[in-house]
Amino acid sequence: MANPAPSTDAADEIHAAATRESTAYPGTPRWVKVSAIVALILILLIVVVMVLGGGEHDPMRHIPSASGLTHTLRIVAGI
């Protein structure tokens, strides 16, 4: 003979499974999402300022110019 039907209804089982799944992991907290968005905006802002800002902010600014005398040349020359 066939097994008797289970006592619970199929809709109740689906609802119970959906409830267990939704309460198992509530998701990422809102403050984490907001913090990540703010951090990304700040990083993008810094990159834009560095690219568009121009200026002498590169490794070559530490090398003396060859167009004129520098303190190093004066010291070597004894001036």
N, C-alpha and C. Protein backbone atom coordinates (compact mmCIF):
# COMPACT_ATOMS: atom_id res chain seq x y z
N MET A 1 0.82 -1.17 0.00
CA MET A 1 0.00 0.00 0.00
C MET A 1 0.87 1.25 0.00
N ALA A 2 0.25 2.30 -0.40
CA ALA A 2 0.97 3.58 -0.45
C ALA A 2 1.05 4.19 0.93
N ASN A 3 2.08 4.98 1.12
CA ASN A 3 2.23 5.68 2.40
C ASN A 3 1.15 6.74 2.53
N PRO A 4 0.66 6.97 3.75
CA PRO A 4 -0.34 8.02 3.92
C PRO A 4 0.28 9.40 3.69
N ALA A 5 -0.55 10.34 3.28
CA ALA A 5 -0.08 11.70 3.02
C ALA A 5 0.40 12.34 4.32
N PRO A 6 1.41 13.17 4.24
CA PRO A 6 1.88 13.84 5.46
C PRO A 6 0.79 14.73 6.04
N SER A 7 0.88 14.95 7.33
CA SER A 7 -0.17 15.69 8.01
C SER A 7 -0.11 17.20 7.75
N THR A 8 1.05 17.72 7.34
CA THR A 8 1.13 19.17 7.10
C THR A 8 0.82 19.46 5.64
N ASP A 9 0.34 20.63 5.42
CA ASP A 9 -0.03 21.07 4.09
C ASP A 9 1.23 21.54 3.34
N ALA A 10 1.27 21.40 2.03
CA ALA A 10 2.44 21.80 1.22
C ALA A 10 2.68 23.30 1.32
N ALA A 11 1.63 24.08 1.36
CA ALA A 11 1.79 25.54 1.47
C ALA A 11 2.42 25.92 2.80
N ASP A 12 2.06 25.20 3.86
CA ASP A 12 2.65 25.47 5.17
C ASP A 12 4.14 25.14 5.16
N GLU A 13 4.52 24.09 4.47
CA GLU A 13 5.93 23.72 4.39
C GLU A 13 6.72 24.78 3.63
N ILE A 14 6.16 25.26 2.54
CA ILE A 14 6.84 26.30 1.75
C ILE A 14 6.99 27.56 2.58
N HIS A 15 5.93 27.96 3.28
CA HIS A 15 5.98 29.15 4.12
C HIS A 15 7.01 28.99 5.24
N ALA A 16 7.06 27.83 5.86
CA ALA A 16 8.01 27.59 6.94
C ALA A 16 9.44 27.62 6.41
N ALA A 17 9.68 27.07 5.24
CA ALA A 17 11.02 27.09 4.65
C ALA A 17 11.43 28.51 4.30
N ALA A 18 10.51 29.30 3.76
CA ALA A 18 10.81 30.68 3.41
C ALA A 18 11.11 31.50 4.66
N THR A 19 10.39 31.25 5.72
CA THR A 19 10.61 31.96 6.98
C THR A 19 11.97 31.61 7.56
N ARG A 20 12.33 30.33 7.53
CA ARG A 20 13.65 29.92 8.04
C ARG A 20 14.77 30.56 7.23
N GLU A 21 14.62 30.60 5.91
CA GLU A 21 15.66 31.16 5.05
C GLU A 21 15.79 32.66 5.26
N SER A 22 14.69 33.36 5.44
CA SER A 22 14.76 34.81 5.57
C SER A 22 15.31 35.23 6.93
N THR A 23 15.15 34.43 7.95
CA THR A 23 15.68 34.79 9.27
C THR A 23 17.06 34.21 9.51
N ALA A 24 17.53 33.34 8.63
CA ALA A 24 18.84 32.72 8.84
C ALA A 24 19.95 33.75 8.66
N TYR A 25 19.86 34.60 7.65
CA TYR A 25 20.86 35.64 7.41
C TYR A 25 20.14 36.91 6.99
N PRO A 26 20.12 37.91 7.86
CA PRO A 26 19.33 39.10 7.55
C PRO A 26 19.94 39.99 6.48
N GLY A 27 21.19 39.76 6.08
CA GLY A 27 21.82 40.60 5.05
C GLY A 27 22.81 41.57 5.66
N THR A 28 23.40 42.36 4.80
CA THR A 28 24.39 43.34 5.23
C THR A 28 23.69 44.51 5.92
N PRO A 29 24.20 44.93 7.07
CA PRO A 29 23.59 46.07 7.77
C PRO A 29 23.69 47.35 6.94
N ARG A 30 22.75 48.24 7.15
CA ARG A 30 22.71 49.49 6.40
C ARG A 30 23.96 50.33 6.62
N TRP A 31 24.49 50.35 7.86
CA TRP A 31 25.65 51.20 8.14
C TRP A 31 26.88 50.72 7.37
N VAL A 32 26.96 49.43 7.09
CA VAL A 32 28.09 48.91 6.32
C VAL A 32 27.96 49.37 4.87
N LYS A 33 26.77 49.31 4.33
CA LYS A 33 26.55 49.75 2.95
C LYS A 33 26.83 51.24 2.80
N VAL A 34 26.34 52.05 3.76
CA VAL A 34 26.56 53.49 3.70
C VAL A 34 28.04 53.81 3.84
N SER A 35 28.73 53.12 4.75
CA SER A 35 30.16 53.36 4.92
C SER A 35 30.94 53.00 3.67
N ALA A 36 30.58 51.93 3.01
CA ALA A 36 31.26 51.53 1.77
C ALA A 36 31.04 52.56 0.67
N ILE A 37 29.83 53.07 0.56
CA ILE A 37 29.54 54.07 -0.46
C ILE A 37 30.32 55.35 -0.18
N VAL A 38 30.36 55.79 1.07
CA VAL A 38 31.11 57.00 1.43
C VAL A 38 32.60 56.81 1.16
N ALA A 39 33.14 55.64 1.49
CA ALA A 39 34.56 55.37 1.25
C ALA A 39 34.86 55.40 -0.26
N LEU A 40 34.00 54.80 -1.07
CA LEU A 40 34.21 54.82 -2.51
C LEU A 40 34.16 56.24 -3.07
N ILE A 41 33.23 57.03 -2.59
CA ILE A 41 33.13 58.42 -3.05
C ILE A 41 34.40 59.19 -2.68
N LEU A 42 34.90 59.00 -1.46
CA LEU A 42 36.12 59.70 -1.06
C LEU A 42 37.32 59.26 -1.88
N ILE A 43 37.43 57.98 -2.15
CA ILE A 43 38.55 57.48 -2.97
C ILE A 43 38.47 58.06 -4.38
N LEU A 44 37.27 58.07 -4.97
CA LEU A 44 37.12 58.65 -6.30
C LEU A 44 37.44 60.15 -6.30
N LEU A 45 37.04 60.85 -5.26
CA LEU A 45 37.33 62.28 -5.15
C LEU A 45 38.83 62.52 -5.07
N ILE A 46 39.53 61.72 -4.29
CA ILE A 46 40.98 61.86 -4.17
C ILE A 46 41.65 61.59 -5.51
N VAL A 47 41.22 60.57 -6.22
CA VAL A 47 41.81 60.26 -7.52
C VAL A 47 41.56 61.40 -8.51
N VAL A 48 40.35 61.94 -8.52
CA VAL A 48 40.04 63.04 -9.44
C VAL A 48 40.89 64.26 -9.11
N VAL A 49 41.06 64.58 -7.84
CA VAL A 49 41.86 65.74 -7.45
C VAL A 49 43.32 65.52 -7.85
N MET A 50 43.82 64.31 -7.69
CA MET A 50 45.21 64.03 -8.05
C MET A 50 45.42 64.13 -9.56
N VAL A 51 44.44 63.67 -10.34
CA VAL A 51 44.58 63.70 -11.79
C VAL A 51 44.40 65.12 -12.33
N LEU A 52 43.38 65.81 -11.87
CA LEU A 52 43.08 67.13 -12.40
C LEU A 52 43.83 68.25 -11.70
N GLY A 53 44.36 67.98 -10.53
CA GLY A 53 45.02 69.03 -9.74
C GLY A 53 46.33 69.50 -10.34
N GLY A 54 47.01 68.65 -11.07
CA GLY A 54 48.28 69.04 -11.67
C GLY A 54 49.30 69.30 -10.59
N GLY A 55 50.12 70.32 -10.79
CA GLY A 55 51.11 70.68 -9.79
C GLY A 55 52.38 69.87 -9.94
N GLU A 56 53.26 70.07 -9.02
CA GLU A 56 54.57 69.42 -9.04
C GLU A 56 54.63 68.29 -8.01
N HIS A 57 53.63 67.47 -7.98
CA HIS A 57 53.58 66.40 -6.99
C HIS A 57 53.95 65.07 -7.63
N ASP A 58 55.21 64.96 -8.01
CA ASP A 58 55.70 63.73 -8.58
C ASP A 58 57.13 63.51 -8.10
N PRO A 59 57.72 62.38 -8.34
CA PRO A 59 59.09 62.11 -7.87
C PRO A 59 60.13 63.07 -8.42
N MET A 60 59.90 63.68 -9.57
CA MET A 60 60.87 64.58 -10.18
C MET A 60 61.03 65.89 -9.42
N ARG A 61 60.13 66.22 -8.53
CA ARG A 61 60.25 67.48 -7.79
C ARG A 61 61.41 67.45 -6.80
N HIS A 62 61.93 66.26 -6.51
CA HIS A 62 63.03 66.15 -5.57
C HIS A 62 64.40 66.21 -6.25
N ILE A 63 64.40 66.23 -7.58
CA ILE A 63 65.64 66.32 -8.32
C ILE A 63 65.88 67.78 -8.67
N PRO A 64 67.07 68.31 -8.36
CA PRO A 64 67.31 69.73 -8.64
C PRO A 64 67.29 70.02 -10.13
N SER A 65 66.88 71.22 -10.45
CA SER A 65 66.80 71.65 -11.83
C SER A 65 68.19 71.87 -12.41
N ALA A 66 68.36 71.56 -13.68
CA ALA A 66 69.65 71.74 -14.34
C ALA A 66 69.79 73.15 -14.90
N SER A 67 68.76 73.97 -14.73
CA SER A 67 68.79 75.30 -15.34
C SER A 67 69.60 76.31 -14.53
N GLY A 68 69.89 76.06 -13.30
CA GLY A 68 70.63 77.03 -12.49
C GLY A 68 71.52 76.34 -11.49
N LEU A 69 72.28 77.14 -10.76
CA LEU A 69 73.15 76.59 -9.73
C LEU A 69 72.32 76.10 -8.55
N THR A 70 72.77 75.05 -7.97
CA THR A 70 72.10 74.54 -6.78
C THR A 70 73.04 74.67 -5.61
N HIS A 71 72.53 74.44 -4.44
CA HIS A 71 73.37 74.53 -3.24
C HIS A 71 74.48 73.49 -3.27
N THR A 72 74.21 72.35 -3.85
CA THR A 72 75.23 71.29 -3.93
C THR A 72 76.41 71.75 -4.77
N LEU A 73 76.13 72.42 -5.89
CA LEU A 73 77.23 72.89 -6.72
C LEU A 73 78.03 73.99 -6.02
N ARG A 74 77.39 74.82 -5.26
CA ARG A 74 78.10 75.88 -4.52
C ARG A 74 79.00 75.30 -3.46
N ILE A 75 78.54 74.25 -2.82
CA ILE A 75 79.36 73.63 -1.77
C ILE A 75 80.57 72.96 -2.39
N VAL A 76 80.39 72.29 -3.51
CA VAL A 76 81.49 71.62 -4.19
C VAL A 76 82.49 72.65 -4.71
N ALA A 77 82.01 73.78 -5.20
CA ALA A 77 82.90 74.80 -5.75
C ALA A 77 83.57 75.61 -4.66
N GLY A 78 83.14 75.45 -3.43
CA GLY A 78 83.73 76.20 -2.32
C GLY A 78 83.19 77.59 -2.16
N ILE A 79 82.04 77.86 -2.66
CA ILE A 79 81.45 79.19 -2.57
C ILE A 79 80.69 79.33 -1.28
